[in-house]
Protein backbone atom coordinates (compact mmCIF):
# COMPACT_ATOMS: atom_id res chain seq x y z
CA MET A 1 197.44 210.25 -170.13
CA LYS A 2 193.92 211.52 -170.54
CA THR A 3 192.05 212.85 -167.51
CA GLY A 4 188.53 214.06 -166.99
CA GLY A 5 185.16 212.56 -167.63
CA MET A 6 183.11 212.49 -170.76
CA LEU A 7 179.89 213.44 -169.03
CA PHE A 8 179.52 216.84 -170.67
CA LYS A 9 181.58 216.27 -173.81
CA GLY A 10 179.68 217.36 -176.86
CA LYS A 11 176.81 218.84 -174.88
CA GLY A 12 175.99 222.47 -174.99
CA ALA A 13 174.71 224.57 -172.15
CA GLY A 14 171.18 224.36 -173.55
CA SER A 15 171.05 220.57 -173.56
CA ILE A 16 172.50 220.39 -170.05
CA GLN A 17 169.89 222.87 -168.84
CA LYS A 18 167.12 220.87 -170.54
CA GLN A 19 168.37 217.68 -168.90
CA GLU A 20 168.43 219.38 -165.51
CA ASP A 21 164.89 220.70 -166.00
CA ASP A 22 163.66 217.24 -166.99
CA ILE A 23 165.24 215.67 -163.92
CA ARG A 24 163.78 218.33 -161.64
CA ALA A 25 160.32 217.76 -163.15
CA ARG A 26 160.58 213.98 -162.63
CA LEU A 27 161.75 214.47 -159.05
CA GLY A 28 158.86 216.84 -158.39
CA THR A 29 156.38 214.30 -159.75
CA ALA A 30 157.93 211.50 -157.69
CA ASN A 31 157.86 213.71 -154.58
CA ASP A 32 154.18 214.50 -155.10
CA ALA A 33 153.36 210.82 -155.56
CA PHE A 34 155.29 209.93 -152.41
CA ARG A 35 153.51 212.60 -150.35
CA LYS A 36 150.12 211.35 -151.59
CA SER A 37 151.10 207.79 -150.70
CA VAL A 38 152.14 208.85 -147.19
CA GLN A 39 148.90 210.77 -146.74
CA ASP A 40 146.82 207.77 -147.90
CA TYR A 41 148.72 205.50 -145.52
CA GLN A 42 148.16 207.88 -142.60
CA THR A 43 144.43 207.98 -143.36
CA LEU A 44 144.26 204.19 -143.50
CA ARG A 45 146.26 203.87 -140.29
CA GLN A 46 144.06 206.40 -138.50
CA GLU A 47 140.92 204.54 -139.61
CA TYR A 48 142.34 201.25 -138.35
CA PHE A 49 143.31 202.55 -134.92
CA ASN A 50 140.14 204.62 -134.43
CA PHE A 51 137.51 202.21 -135.81
CA GLN A 52 138.73 198.71 -136.61
CA LEU A 53 140.96 197.97 -133.62
CA PRO A 54 138.37 198.96 -130.99
CA LYS A 55 135.83 196.66 -132.68
CA ILE A 56 138.29 193.78 -132.63
CA LEU A 57 139.10 194.39 -128.97
CA ARG A 58 135.41 194.57 -128.03
CA VAL A 59 134.68 191.28 -129.77
CA GLY A 60 137.62 189.66 -127.98
CA ASP A 61 136.51 191.10 -124.66
CA VAL A 62 132.94 189.83 -125.11
CA ALA A 63 134.16 186.38 -126.11
CA TYR A 64 136.54 186.27 -123.14
CA SER A 65 133.79 187.40 -120.74
CA GLN A 66 131.39 184.75 -122.04
CA LYS A 67 134.04 182.06 -121.75
CA ASP A 68 134.88 183.25 -118.25
CA ALA A 69 131.20 183.20 -117.29
CA ASP A 70 130.83 179.63 -118.65
CA ILE A 71 133.79 178.47 -116.60
CA CYS A 72 132.57 180.11 -113.40
CA SER A 73 129.01 178.79 -113.70
CA CYS A 74 130.10 175.16 -113.63
């Protein structure tokens, strides 16, 4: 009965090290891209809550006040 995997069979230490370095480089690139994406999202979210949402709420408040004034003036 044969035991053990064939993951490293026929591979020297140099090729295993090269594979590890390649994987680490790809993970580093993916991590940088993820961090940039998170930072872009945070910027967009901050803009929405600081600028867009207050405008929307003001427009709704003005429309509600005008409608309320129309109802009360009848």
